[in-house]
Amino acid sequence: MPPKKRQKIEKEQKSNKLKEEKSAKPSVYTRWLMKSEPESRIERGVDVKFGIEDLKKEPNQTACWDGVRNYQARNFMRDQMKLGQQGFFYHSNCKTPGIAGIIEIVKEGYDDHTQFNSKDPHYDPTSKKDSPKWQMVDVKFVRMMKRFIPLSELKELHQKHKINGGPLANMALFTRARLSVQPLTQDEFDYILSLEDEMPE
């Protein structure tokens, strides 16, 4: 094989290997969307309501984000959420779902005490104190959105961006909708913030 052709093949192989290694690395996220229910719903005799107004009423406007029972969401909280990172407080399972405000991570992942409490709606009898399954973080209220950003508006933008290209084209809210704790890219986070100053058509 001629040296030039061999060099070209080796260069292509090296390039392909670098691409594979890059795609194999897990994405590192620093922005989040966290869902909670702002309207009363009784589960095992307990009202699980917790909207952004409830967070504002907590001491120091800070609370633990407990009750997450999805492994992928748990892994995000345990492995990637860091002090000072911000996210959107998203109202879910309600008449008008959407983004209500901004919160900040003020304590990194630790054992969720509700998994051991048999009277709690999120009790998990399969989780043991010497080998806990679930974690939580503490969040602090930062501010309300300048205007509530409804799911309907985000959904419309997502559809447009899927067709024409745009920051919300692959947003987890639509690709991994069931997750209660979702990652956001910086572009997604910044774009949604920009919507505060725009009135929907």
N, C-alpha and C. Protein backbone atom coordinates (compact mmCIF):
# COMPACT_ATOMS: atom_id res chain seq x y z
N MET A 1 0.85 -1.20 0.00
CA MET A 1 0.00 0.00 0.00
C MET A 1 0.89 1.25 0.00
N PRO A 2 0.61 2.20 -0.88
CA PRO A 2 1.41 3.43 -0.92
C PRO A 2 1.35 4.17 0.43
N PRO A 3 2.47 4.77 0.85
CA PRO A 3 2.52 5.47 2.14
C PRO A 3 1.44 6.53 2.31
N LYS A 4 1.17 7.29 1.25
CA LYS A 4 0.17 8.37 1.34
C LYS A 4 -1.22 7.80 1.61
N LYS A 5 -1.54 6.69 0.94
CA LYS A 5 -2.85 6.07 1.14
C LYS A 5 -2.96 5.49 2.55
N ARG A 6 -1.84 4.89 3.05
CA ARG A 6 -1.83 4.34 4.40
C ARG A 6 -2.04 5.44 5.43
N GLN A 7 -1.36 6.58 5.21
CA GLN A 7 -1.50 7.71 6.13
C GLN A 7 -2.93 8.24 6.14
N LYS A 8 -3.55 8.27 4.97
CA LYS A 8 -4.94 8.74 4.87
C LYS A 8 -5.88 7.82 5.64
N ILE A 9 -5.69 6.51 5.47
CA ILE A 9 -6.54 5.53 6.16
C ILE A 9 -6.34 5.63 7.67
N GLU A 10 -5.08 5.74 8.10
CA GLU A 10 -4.79 5.85 9.53
C GLU A 10 -5.40 7.11 10.12
N LYS A 11 -5.35 8.20 9.35
CA LYS A 11 -5.93 9.46 9.80
C LYS A 11 -7.45 9.34 9.96
N GLU A 12 -8.10 8.68 8.99
CA GLU A 12 -9.55 8.47 9.06
C GLU A 12 -9.92 7.58 10.25
N GLN A 13 -9.12 6.53 10.48
CA GLN A 13 -9.38 5.63 11.60
C GLN A 13 -9.26 6.36 12.94
N LYS A 14 -8.23 7.21 13.04
CA LYS A 14 -8.02 7.98 14.26
C LYS A 14 -9.17 8.95 14.49
N SER A 15 -9.61 9.58 13.40
CA SER A 15 -10.73 10.52 13.49
C SER A 15 -12.01 9.81 13.93
N ASN A 16 -12.28 8.64 13.35
CA ASN A 16 -13.47 7.88 13.70
C ASN A 16 -13.43 7.42 15.16
N LYS A 17 -12.22 7.04 15.63
CA LYS A 17 -12.07 6.61 17.02
C LYS A 17 -12.38 7.76 17.98
N LEU A 18 -11.88 8.95 17.64
CA LEU A 18 -12.14 10.13 18.48
C LEU A 18 -13.62 10.45 18.54
N LYS A 19 -14.31 10.32 17.39
CA LYS A 19 -15.75 10.56 17.34
C LYS A 19 -16.50 9.57 18.21
N GLU A 20 -16.10 8.29 18.15
CA GLU A 20 -16.74 7.26 18.94
C GLU A 20 -16.54 7.50 20.43
N GLU A 21 -15.31 7.88 20.81
CA GLU A 21 -15.02 8.15 22.22
C GLU A 21 -15.83 9.34 22.72
N LYS A 22 -15.95 10.35 21.88
CA LYS A 22 -16.71 11.54 22.27
C LYS A 22 -18.18 11.22 22.46
N SER A 23 -18.74 10.41 21.54
CA SER A 23 -20.17 10.07 21.64
C SER A 23 -20.43 9.12 22.80
N ALA A 24 -19.42 8.35 23.21
CA ALA A 24 -19.59 7.40 24.31
C ALA A 24 -19.59 8.09 25.67
N LYS A 25 -18.98 9.26 25.75
CA LYS A 25 -18.92 9.97 27.02
C LYS A 25 -20.31 10.50 27.40
N PRO A 26 -20.75 10.31 28.64
CA PRO A 26 -22.05 10.81 29.05
C PRO A 26 -22.07 12.34 29.05
N SER A 27 -23.19 12.91 28.68
CA SER A 27 -23.33 14.36 28.68
C SER A 27 -23.28 14.89 30.10
N VAL A 28 -22.64 16.01 30.26
CA VAL A 28 -22.58 16.65 31.57
C VAL A 28 -23.50 17.86 31.55
N TYR A 29 -24.47 17.87 32.43
CA TYR A 29 -25.47 18.94 32.46
C TYR A 29 -25.25 19.82 33.69
N THR A 30 -25.59 21.08 33.54
CA THR A 30 -25.48 22.03 34.66
C THR A 30 -26.77 22.81 34.88
N ARG A 31 -27.79 22.54 34.08
CA ARG A 31 -29.08 23.22 34.20
C ARG A 31 -30.18 22.16 34.23
N TRP A 32 -31.31 22.48 34.89
CA TRP A 32 -32.30 21.46 35.18
C TRP A 32 -33.73 21.98 35.03
N LEU A 33 -34.64 21.04 34.87
CA LEU A 33 -36.07 21.31 34.96
C LEU A 33 -36.63 20.30 35.94
N MET A 34 -37.26 20.80 37.00
CA MET A 34 -37.73 19.93 38.08
C MET A 34 -39.23 20.10 38.27
N LYS A 35 -39.95 18.99 38.16
CA LYS A 35 -41.41 19.01 38.18
C LYS A 35 -41.98 18.79 39.58
N SER A 36 -43.02 19.54 39.89
CA SER A 36 -43.75 19.32 41.13
C SER A 36 -45.20 19.74 40.92
N GLU A 37 -46.08 19.23 41.78
CA GLU A 37 -47.51 19.46 41.60
C GLU A 37 -48.00 20.61 42.48
N PRO A 38 -48.54 21.67 41.88
CA PRO A 38 -49.00 22.83 42.65
C PRO A 38 -50.43 22.71 43.16
N GLU A 39 -51.14 21.67 42.72
CA GLU A 39 -52.54 21.49 43.12
C GLU A 39 -52.67 20.27 44.02
N SER A 40 -53.62 20.33 44.95
CA SER A 40 -53.80 19.24 45.92
C SER A 40 -54.09 17.91 45.25
N ARG A 41 -53.40 16.89 45.73
CA ARG A 41 -53.66 15.52 45.31
C ARG A 41 -53.31 14.62 46.48
N ILE A 42 -54.27 13.85 46.93
CA ILE A 42 -54.08 12.99 48.09
C ILE A 42 -53.54 11.63 47.65
N GLU A 43 -52.42 11.26 48.25
CA GLU A 43 -51.81 9.96 47.98
C GLU A 43 -51.52 9.28 49.30
N ARG A 44 -52.17 8.13 49.53
CA ARG A 44 -52.04 7.39 50.80
C ARG A 44 -52.35 8.29 51.99
N GLY A 45 -53.37 9.12 51.82
CA GLY A 45 -53.84 9.97 52.91
C GLY A 45 -53.04 11.25 53.11
N VAL A 46 -52.08 11.51 52.23
CA VAL A 46 -51.23 12.70 52.38
C VAL A 46 -51.35 13.57 51.13
N ASP A 47 -51.45 14.88 51.33
CA ASP A 47 -51.51 15.81 50.21
C ASP A 47 -50.08 16.03 49.70
N VAL A 48 -49.83 15.65 48.44
CA VAL A 48 -48.49 15.76 47.88
C VAL A 48 -48.27 17.09 47.15
N LYS A 49 -49.19 18.01 47.30
CA LYS A 49 -49.07 19.34 46.68
C LYS A 49 -47.79 20.04 47.12
N PHE A 50 -47.06 20.58 46.13
CA PHE A 50 -45.89 21.41 46.45
C PHE A 50 -45.55 22.25 45.23
N GLY A 51 -46.11 23.45 45.20
CA GLY A 51 -45.85 24.38 44.11
C GLY A 51 -44.78 25.38 44.52
N ILE A 52 -44.47 26.26 43.61
CA ILE A 52 -43.40 27.23 43.90
C ILE A 52 -43.78 28.17 45.04
N GLU A 53 -45.07 28.45 45.20
CA GLU A 53 -45.50 29.30 46.32
C GLU A 53 -45.26 28.59 47.65
N ASP A 54 -45.38 27.26 47.65
CA ASP A 54 -45.08 26.50 48.86
C ASP A 54 -43.60 26.57 49.20
N LEU A 55 -42.76 26.51 48.17
CA LEU A 55 -41.32 26.64 48.40
C LEU A 55 -40.99 28.00 49.00
N LYS A 56 -41.64 29.04 48.52
CA LYS A 56 -41.37 30.39 49.02
C LYS A 56 -41.72 30.53 50.50
N LYS A 57 -42.66 29.69 50.98
CA LYS A 57 -43.08 29.77 52.38
C LYS A 57 -42.18 28.98 53.32
N GLU A 58 -41.29 28.15 52.76
CA GLU A 58 -40.40 27.34 53.59
C GLU A 58 -39.36 28.23 54.27
N PRO A 59 -38.84 27.79 55.44
CA PRO A 59 -37.76 28.56 56.09
C PRO A 59 -36.60 28.78 55.12
N ASN A 60 -36.18 30.03 55.01
CA ASN A 60 -35.11 30.41 54.08
C ASN A 60 -35.45 30.10 52.63
N GLN A 61 -36.75 29.85 52.38
CA GLN A 61 -37.23 29.53 51.03
C GLN A 61 -36.45 28.35 50.44
N THR A 62 -36.16 27.39 51.31
CA THR A 62 -35.36 26.22 50.94
C THR A 62 -36.07 24.94 51.38
N ALA A 63 -36.00 23.91 50.54
CA ALA A 63 -36.65 22.63 50.87
C ALA A 63 -35.92 21.48 50.21
N CYS A 64 -36.10 20.27 50.76
CA CYS A 64 -35.54 19.09 50.12
C CYS A 64 -36.47 18.66 48.98
N TRP A 65 -35.85 18.18 47.91
CA TRP A 65 -36.62 17.72 46.74
C TRP A 65 -36.73 16.20 46.85
N ASP A 66 -37.72 15.76 47.64
CA ASP A 66 -37.83 14.34 47.94
C ASP A 66 -38.83 13.65 47.02
N GLY A 67 -38.93 12.34 47.17
CA GLY A 67 -39.96 11.58 46.48
C GLY A 67 -39.65 11.17 45.06
N VAL A 68 -38.44 11.40 44.59
CA VAL A 68 -38.09 10.98 43.22
C VAL A 68 -37.89 9.47 43.20
N ARG A 69 -38.66 8.79 42.37
CA ARG A 69 -38.62 7.33 42.33
C ARG A 69 -38.40 6.82 40.90
N ASN A 70 -37.55 7.48 40.20
CA ASN A 70 -37.13 7.07 38.86
C ASN A 70 -35.60 7.02 38.88
N TYR A 71 -35.04 5.92 38.41
CA TYR A 71 -33.59 5.74 38.53
C TYR A 71 -32.80 6.77 37.73
N GLN A 72 -33.28 7.10 36.54
CA GLN A 72 -32.55 8.08 35.73
C GLN A 72 -32.56 9.46 36.39
N ALA A 73 -33.73 9.85 36.90
CA ALA A 73 -33.83 11.13 37.61
C ALA A 73 -32.97 11.10 38.87
N ARG A 74 -32.99 9.97 39.59
CA ARG A 74 -32.15 9.81 40.77
C ARG A 74 -30.67 9.98 40.42
N ASN A 75 -30.26 9.38 39.30
CA ASN A 75 -28.87 9.45 38.89
C ASN A 75 -28.44 10.88 38.56
N PHE A 76 -29.35 11.64 37.95
CA PHE A 76 -29.04 13.05 37.67
C PHE A 76 -28.76 13.79 38.98
N MET A 77 -29.63 13.58 39.96
CA MET A 77 -29.46 14.27 41.24
C MET A 77 -28.20 13.80 41.96
N ARG A 78 -27.95 12.51 41.92
CA ARG A 78 -26.81 11.94 42.65
C ARG A 78 -25.48 12.26 41.99
N ASP A 79 -25.44 12.19 40.67
CA ASP A 79 -24.15 12.23 39.98
C ASP A 79 -23.80 13.57 39.34
N GLN A 80 -24.82 14.37 38.99
CA GLN A 80 -24.51 15.56 38.20
C GLN A 80 -24.92 16.89 38.84
N MET A 81 -25.90 16.88 39.71
CA MET A 81 -26.32 18.15 40.31
C MET A 81 -25.26 18.64 41.29
N LYS A 82 -24.88 19.90 41.12
CA LYS A 82 -23.84 20.49 41.95
C LYS A 82 -24.33 21.81 42.56
N LEU A 83 -23.70 22.18 43.67
CA LEU A 83 -24.04 23.42 44.36
C LEU A 83 -23.99 24.61 43.39
N GLY A 84 -25.00 25.45 43.48
CA GLY A 84 -25.02 26.67 42.69
C GLY A 84 -25.66 26.53 41.32
N GLN A 85 -25.88 25.29 40.88
CA GLN A 85 -26.56 25.12 39.59
C GLN A 85 -28.02 25.54 39.71
N GLN A 86 -28.56 26.03 38.61
CA GLN A 86 -29.94 26.50 38.62
C GLN A 86 -30.83 25.64 37.73
N GLY A 87 -32.11 25.72 38.02
CA GLY A 87 -33.09 24.99 37.23
C GLY A 87 -34.42 25.70 37.24
N PHE A 88 -35.31 25.21 36.41
CA PHE A 88 -36.67 25.75 36.37
C PHE A 88 -37.57 24.92 37.28
N PHE A 89 -38.41 25.61 38.04
CA PHE A 89 -39.45 24.96 38.84
C PHE A 89 -40.67 24.85 37.92
N TYR A 90 -41.01 23.60 37.59
CA TYR A 90 -42.06 23.31 36.61
C TYR A 90 -43.29 22.77 37.31
N HIS A 91 -44.43 23.42 37.08
CA HIS A 91 -45.70 22.94 37.64
C HIS A 91 -46.27 21.86 36.73
N SER A 92 -46.49 20.68 37.29
CA SER A 92 -46.99 19.55 36.49
C SER A 92 -48.29 19.01 37.06
N ASN A 93 -48.92 18.15 36.26
CA ASN A 93 -50.14 17.47 36.70
C ASN A 93 -51.16 18.47 37.25
N CYS A 94 -51.39 19.53 36.49
CA CYS A 94 -52.30 20.58 36.93
C CYS A 94 -53.03 21.16 35.72
N LYS A 95 -53.93 22.08 35.97
CA LYS A 95 -54.75 22.65 34.91
C LYS A 95 -53.89 23.31 33.84
N THR A 96 -52.90 24.09 34.24
CA THR A 96 -52.02 24.75 33.29
C THR A 96 -50.57 24.46 33.66
N PRO A 97 -50.00 23.38 33.12
CA PRO A 97 -48.60 23.07 33.42
C PRO A 97 -47.65 24.05 32.74
N GLY A 98 -46.48 24.23 33.35
CA GLY A 98 -45.49 25.10 32.75
C GLY A 98 -44.45 25.55 33.75
N ILE A 99 -43.58 26.44 33.31
CA ILE A 99 -42.45 26.90 34.12
C ILE A 99 -42.85 28.12 34.93
N ALA A 100 -42.72 27.99 36.26
CA ALA A 100 -43.18 29.05 37.16
C ALA A 100 -42.05 29.92 37.69
N GLY A 101 -40.85 29.34 37.84
CA GLY A 101 -39.78 30.12 38.44
C GLY A 101 -38.44 29.44 38.34
N ILE A 102 -37.47 30.00 39.03
CA ILE A 102 -36.10 29.51 39.01
C ILE A 102 -35.68 29.12 40.42
N ILE A 103 -35.00 27.98 40.51
CA ILE A 103 -34.49 27.49 41.79
C ILE A 103 -33.00 27.21 41.66
N GLU A 104 -32.34 27.05 42.81
CA GLU A 104 -30.90 26.79 42.84
C GLU A 104 -30.61 25.59 43.73
N ILE A 105 -29.66 24.78 43.33
CA ILE A 105 -29.24 23.64 44.14
C ILE A 105 -28.36 24.15 45.28
N VAL A 106 -28.80 23.90 46.52
CA VAL A 106 -28.04 24.39 47.68
C VAL A 106 -27.49 23.25 48.55
N LYS A 107 -27.87 22.02 48.23
CA LYS A 107 -27.26 20.85 48.87
C LYS A 107 -27.26 19.71 47.88
N GLU A 108 -26.10 19.11 47.69
CA GLU A 108 -25.97 18.03 46.71
C GLU A 108 -26.58 16.73 47.24
N GLY A 109 -26.69 15.75 46.35
CA GLY A 109 -27.41 14.53 46.62
C GLY A 109 -27.09 13.83 47.94
N TYR A 110 -28.13 13.44 48.65
CA TYR A 110 -28.00 12.67 49.89
C TYR A 110 -29.24 11.79 50.03
N ASP A 111 -29.22 10.86 51.00
CA ASP A 111 -30.30 9.88 51.11
C ASP A 111 -31.64 10.54 51.38
N ASP A 112 -32.63 10.11 50.62
CA ASP A 112 -34.00 10.60 50.77
C ASP A 112 -34.66 9.87 51.95
N HIS A 113 -34.94 10.61 53.01
CA HIS A 113 -35.48 9.98 54.22
C HIS A 113 -36.88 9.40 54.02
N THR A 114 -37.62 9.89 53.03
CA THR A 114 -39.00 9.43 52.86
C THR A 114 -39.08 7.96 52.43
N GLN A 115 -38.01 7.43 51.87
CA GLN A 115 -38.03 6.03 51.43
C GLN A 115 -38.13 5.06 52.60
N PHE A 116 -37.78 5.53 53.82
CA PHE A 116 -37.80 4.66 55.00
C PHE A 116 -39.04 4.87 55.88
N ASN A 117 -39.84 5.87 55.55
CA ASN A 117 -41.00 6.23 56.37
C ASN A 117 -42.26 5.54 55.84
N SER A 118 -42.74 4.55 56.57
CA SER A 118 -43.89 3.76 56.10
C SER A 118 -45.17 4.58 55.99
N LYS A 119 -45.21 5.76 56.62
CA LYS A 119 -46.40 6.61 56.54
C LYS A 119 -46.31 7.63 55.41
N ASP A 120 -45.17 7.67 54.74
CA ASP A 120 -44.98 8.63 53.66
C ASP A 120 -45.44 8.05 52.32
N PRO A 121 -46.05 8.86 51.45
CA PRO A 121 -46.51 8.35 50.15
C PRO A 121 -45.38 7.78 49.29
N HIS A 122 -44.14 8.19 49.58
CA HIS A 122 -43.02 7.74 48.77
C HIS A 122 -42.21 6.63 49.44
N TYR A 123 -42.79 6.01 50.44
CA TYR A 123 -42.14 4.90 51.15
C TYR A 123 -41.80 3.77 50.18
N ASP A 124 -40.59 3.23 50.32
CA ASP A 124 -40.16 2.11 49.50
C ASP A 124 -39.68 0.98 50.42
N PRO A 125 -40.51 -0.04 50.62
CA PRO A 125 -40.15 -1.12 51.55
C PRO A 125 -38.95 -1.93 51.09
N THR A 126 -38.57 -1.80 49.81
CA THR A 126 -37.42 -2.57 49.30
C THR A 126 -36.10 -1.83 49.53
N SER A 127 -36.17 -0.59 49.99
CA SER A 127 -34.97 0.18 50.23
C SER A 127 -34.56 0.07 51.70
N LYS A 128 -33.32 -0.26 51.95
CA LYS A 128 -32.82 -0.47 53.31
C LYS A 128 -31.86 0.65 53.71
N LYS A 129 -31.81 0.95 55.00
CA LYS A 129 -30.96 2.05 55.47
C LYS A 129 -29.47 1.79 55.22
N ASP A 130 -29.08 0.52 55.19
CA ASP A 130 -27.67 0.22 54.92
C ASP A 130 -27.39 0.11 53.43
N SER A 131 -28.45 0.20 52.62
CA SER A 131 -28.29 0.18 51.17
C SER A 131 -29.46 0.94 50.52
N PRO A 132 -29.52 2.27 50.74
CA PRO A 132 -30.64 3.07 50.24
C PRO A 132 -30.65 3.19 48.72
N LYS A 133 -31.84 3.24 48.17
CA LYS A 133 -31.98 3.35 46.71
C LYS A 133 -32.08 4.80 46.22
N TRP A 134 -32.69 5.65 47.05
CA TRP A 134 -33.12 6.94 46.54
C TRP A 134 -32.40 8.11 47.20
N GLN A 135 -32.21 9.15 46.40
CA GLN A 135 -31.55 10.35 46.89
C GLN A 135 -32.38 11.59 46.60
N MET A 136 -31.99 12.68 47.23
CA MET A 136 -32.65 13.96 47.00
C MET A 136 -31.60 15.07 47.09
N VAL A 137 -32.00 16.25 46.71
CA VAL A 137 -31.16 17.44 46.85
C VAL A 137 -31.98 18.50 47.56
N ASP A 138 -31.33 19.55 48.01
CA ASP A 138 -32.05 20.70 48.56
C ASP A 138 -32.03 21.82 47.53
N VAL A 139 -33.18 22.48 47.39
CA VAL A 139 -33.29 23.59 46.44
C VAL A 139 -33.75 24.85 47.16
N LYS A 140 -33.38 25.97 46.59
CA LYS A 140 -33.75 27.27 47.15
C LYS A 140 -34.43 28.11 46.08
N PHE A 141 -35.47 28.80 46.49
CA PHE A 141 -36.18 29.71 45.59
C PHE A 141 -35.24 30.84 45.18
N VAL A 142 -35.18 31.12 43.88
CA VAL A 142 -34.39 32.24 43.37
C VAL A 142 -35.31 33.39 42.98
N ARG A 143 -36.25 33.11 42.08
CA ARG A 143 -37.21 34.13 41.69
C ARG A 143 -38.32 33.51 40.86
N MET A 144 -39.41 34.22 40.75
CA MET A 144 -40.49 33.83 39.84
C MET A 144 -40.06 34.21 38.42
N MET A 145 -40.60 33.51 37.45
CA MET A 145 -40.43 33.96 36.07
C MET A 145 -41.14 35.29 35.90
N LYS A 146 -40.66 36.10 34.98
CA LYS A 146 -41.32 37.38 34.71
C LYS A 146 -42.74 37.14 34.21
N ARG A 147 -42.91 36.02 33.53
CA ARG A 147 -44.25 35.56 33.17
C ARG A 147 -44.22 34.04 33.16
N PHE A 148 -45.32 33.43 33.48
CA PHE A 148 -45.43 31.97 33.47
C PHE A 148 -45.28 31.48 32.03
N ILE A 149 -44.42 30.48 31.83
CA ILE A 149 -44.21 29.93 30.48
C ILE A 149 -44.97 28.60 30.39
N PRO A 150 -46.13 28.59 29.74
CA PRO A 150 -46.95 27.38 29.73
C PRO A 150 -46.40 26.28 28.83
N LEU A 151 -46.74 25.05 29.16
CA LEU A 151 -46.35 23.91 28.35
C LEU A 151 -46.82 24.06 26.91
N SER A 152 -48.01 24.59 26.71
CA SER A 152 -48.55 24.73 25.35
C SER A 152 -47.64 25.58 24.47
N GLU A 153 -47.06 26.64 25.04
CA GLU A 153 -46.14 27.49 24.28
C GLU A 153 -44.84 26.76 23.97
N LEU A 154 -44.31 26.05 24.99
CA LEU A 154 -43.08 25.29 24.78
C LEU A 154 -43.28 24.18 23.75
N LYS A 155 -44.45 23.55 23.77
CA LYS A 155 -44.75 22.48 22.83
C LYS A 155 -44.78 23.01 21.40
N GLU A 156 -45.38 24.15 21.22
CA GLU A 156 -45.46 24.76 19.88
C GLU A 156 -44.05 25.11 19.37
N LEU A 157 -43.23 25.66 20.25
CA LEU A 157 -41.86 26.01 19.86
C LEU A 157 -41.04 24.75 19.57
N HIS A 158 -41.26 23.71 20.36
CA HIS A 158 -40.55 22.45 20.15
C HIS A 158 -40.85 21.89 18.75
N GLN A 159 -42.10 21.95 18.35
CA GLN A 159 -42.48 21.45 17.02
C GLN A 159 -41.81 22.26 15.91
N LYS A 160 -41.78 23.57 16.08
CA LYS A 160 -41.13 24.43 15.08
C LYS A 160 -39.64 24.15 15.02
N HIS A 161 -39.02 23.99 16.19
CA HIS A 161 -37.58 23.77 16.23
C HIS A 161 -37.20 22.40 15.67
N LYS A 162 -38.08 21.42 15.81
CA LYS A 162 -37.83 20.10 15.24
C LYS A 162 -37.74 20.18 13.72
N ILE A 163 -38.55 21.05 13.15
CA ILE A 163 -38.62 21.18 11.69
C ILE A 163 -37.51 22.09 11.17
N ASN A 164 -37.37 23.23 11.81
CA ASN A 164 -36.46 24.27 11.30
C ASN A 164 -35.12 24.35 12.00
N GLY A 165 -34.97 23.58 13.06
CA GLY A 165 -33.75 23.67 13.86
C GLY A 165 -33.91 24.75 14.92
N GLY A 166 -33.45 24.48 16.09
CA GLY A 166 -33.59 25.44 17.18
C GLY A 166 -33.26 24.78 18.49
N PRO A 167 -33.06 25.57 19.55
CA PRO A 167 -32.58 25.03 20.83
C PRO A 167 -33.53 24.06 21.52
N LEU A 168 -34.82 24.09 21.21
CA LEU A 168 -35.75 23.20 21.92
C LEU A 168 -36.06 21.93 21.13
N ALA A 169 -35.34 21.69 20.04
CA ALA A 169 -35.64 20.55 19.17
C ALA A 169 -35.55 19.22 19.91
N ASN A 170 -34.60 19.09 20.83
CA ASN A 170 -34.41 17.82 21.53
C ASN A 170 -34.64 17.94 23.03
N MET A 171 -35.43 18.90 23.44
CA MET A 171 -35.66 19.16 24.86
C MET A 171 -36.27 17.94 25.55
N ALA A 172 -35.70 17.58 26.71
CA ALA A 172 -36.14 16.39 27.43
C ALA A 172 -37.61 16.43 27.83
N LEU A 173 -38.16 17.62 27.97
CA LEU A 173 -39.57 17.74 28.33
C LEU A 173 -40.46 17.01 27.33
N PHE A 174 -39.95 16.85 26.10
CA PHE A 174 -40.72 16.18 25.05
C PHE A 174 -40.13 14.84 24.63
N THR A 175 -38.84 14.65 24.85
CA THR A 175 -38.21 13.38 24.48
C THR A 175 -38.14 12.40 25.64
N ARG A 176 -38.17 12.94 26.88
CA ARG A 176 -38.18 12.10 28.09
C ARG A 176 -39.22 12.66 29.06
N ALA A 177 -40.43 12.78 28.56
CA ALA A 177 -41.48 13.54 29.24
C ALA A 177 -41.80 13.03 30.65
N ARG A 178 -41.62 11.76 30.92
CA ARG A 178 -42.05 11.21 32.20
C ARG A 178 -41.07 11.51 33.35
N LEU A 179 -39.88 11.94 33.01
CA LEU A 179 -38.90 12.24 34.05
C LEU A 179 -39.32 13.46 34.86
N SER A 180 -39.28 13.34 36.18
CA SER A 180 -39.63 14.47 37.04
C SER A 180 -38.45 15.41 37.27
N VAL A 181 -37.25 14.90 37.03
CA VAL A 181 -36.04 15.72 37.08
C VAL A 181 -35.36 15.56 35.73
N GLN A 182 -35.27 16.66 35.00
CA GLN A 182 -34.79 16.59 33.62
C GLN A 182 -33.59 17.50 33.41
N PRO A 183 -32.64 17.06 32.57
CA PRO A 183 -31.51 17.92 32.26
C PRO A 183 -31.86 18.92 31.17
N LEU A 184 -31.22 20.06 31.22
CA LEU A 184 -31.34 21.07 30.17
C LEU A 184 -29.94 21.44 29.69
N THR A 185 -29.81 21.65 28.39
CA THR A 185 -28.56 22.21 27.90
C THR A 185 -28.55 23.70 28.24
N GLN A 186 -27.37 24.30 28.19
CA GLN A 186 -27.28 25.74 28.45
C GLN A 186 -28.08 26.52 27.42
N ASP A 187 -28.07 26.06 26.16
CA ASP A 187 -28.83 26.74 25.11
C ASP A 187 -30.33 26.68 25.39
N GLU A 188 -30.80 25.52 25.85
CA GLU A 188 -32.23 25.39 26.18
C GLU A 188 -32.61 26.33 27.32
N PHE A 189 -31.77 26.33 28.35
CA PHE A 189 -32.03 27.18 29.51
C PHE A 189 -32.06 28.66 29.11
N ASP A 190 -31.05 29.09 28.36
CA ASP A 190 -30.97 30.50 27.97
C ASP A 190 -32.12 30.90 27.05
N TYR A 191 -32.50 30.00 26.15
CA TYR A 191 -33.59 30.31 25.23
C TYR A 191 -34.90 30.48 25.99
N ILE A 192 -35.16 29.59 26.93
CA ILE A 192 -36.40 29.69 27.71
C ILE A 192 -36.41 30.98 28.53
N LEU A 193 -35.26 31.36 29.08
CA LEU A 193 -35.17 32.63 29.80
C LEU A 193 -35.52 33.80 28.88
N SER A 194 -35.11 33.72 27.64
CA SER A 194 -35.39 34.81 26.70
C SER A 194 -36.88 34.97 26.43
N LEU A 195 -37.64 33.91 26.66
CA LEU A 195 -39.09 33.97 26.41
C LEU A 195 -39.81 34.85 27.41
N GLU A 196 -39.17 35.08 28.57
CA GLU A 196 -39.79 35.92 29.61
C GLU A 196 -40.19 37.29 29.07
N ASP A 197 -39.37 37.82 28.20
CA ASP A 197 -39.57 39.19 27.72
C ASP A 197 -40.35 39.25 26.42
N GLU A 198 -40.86 38.08 25.98
CA GLU A 198 -41.65 38.04 24.75
C GLU A 198 -43.07 37.61 25.07
N MET A 199 -44.02 38.26 24.50
CA MET A 199 -45.40 37.86 24.65
C MET A 199 -45.76 36.88 23.53
N PRO A 200 -46.36 35.74 23.88
CA PRO A 200 -46.71 34.76 22.83
C PRO A 200 -47.72 35.34 21.85
N GLU A 201 -47.64 34.84 20.62
CA GLU A 201 -48.57 35.34 19.58
C GLU A 201 -49.99 34.90 19.88
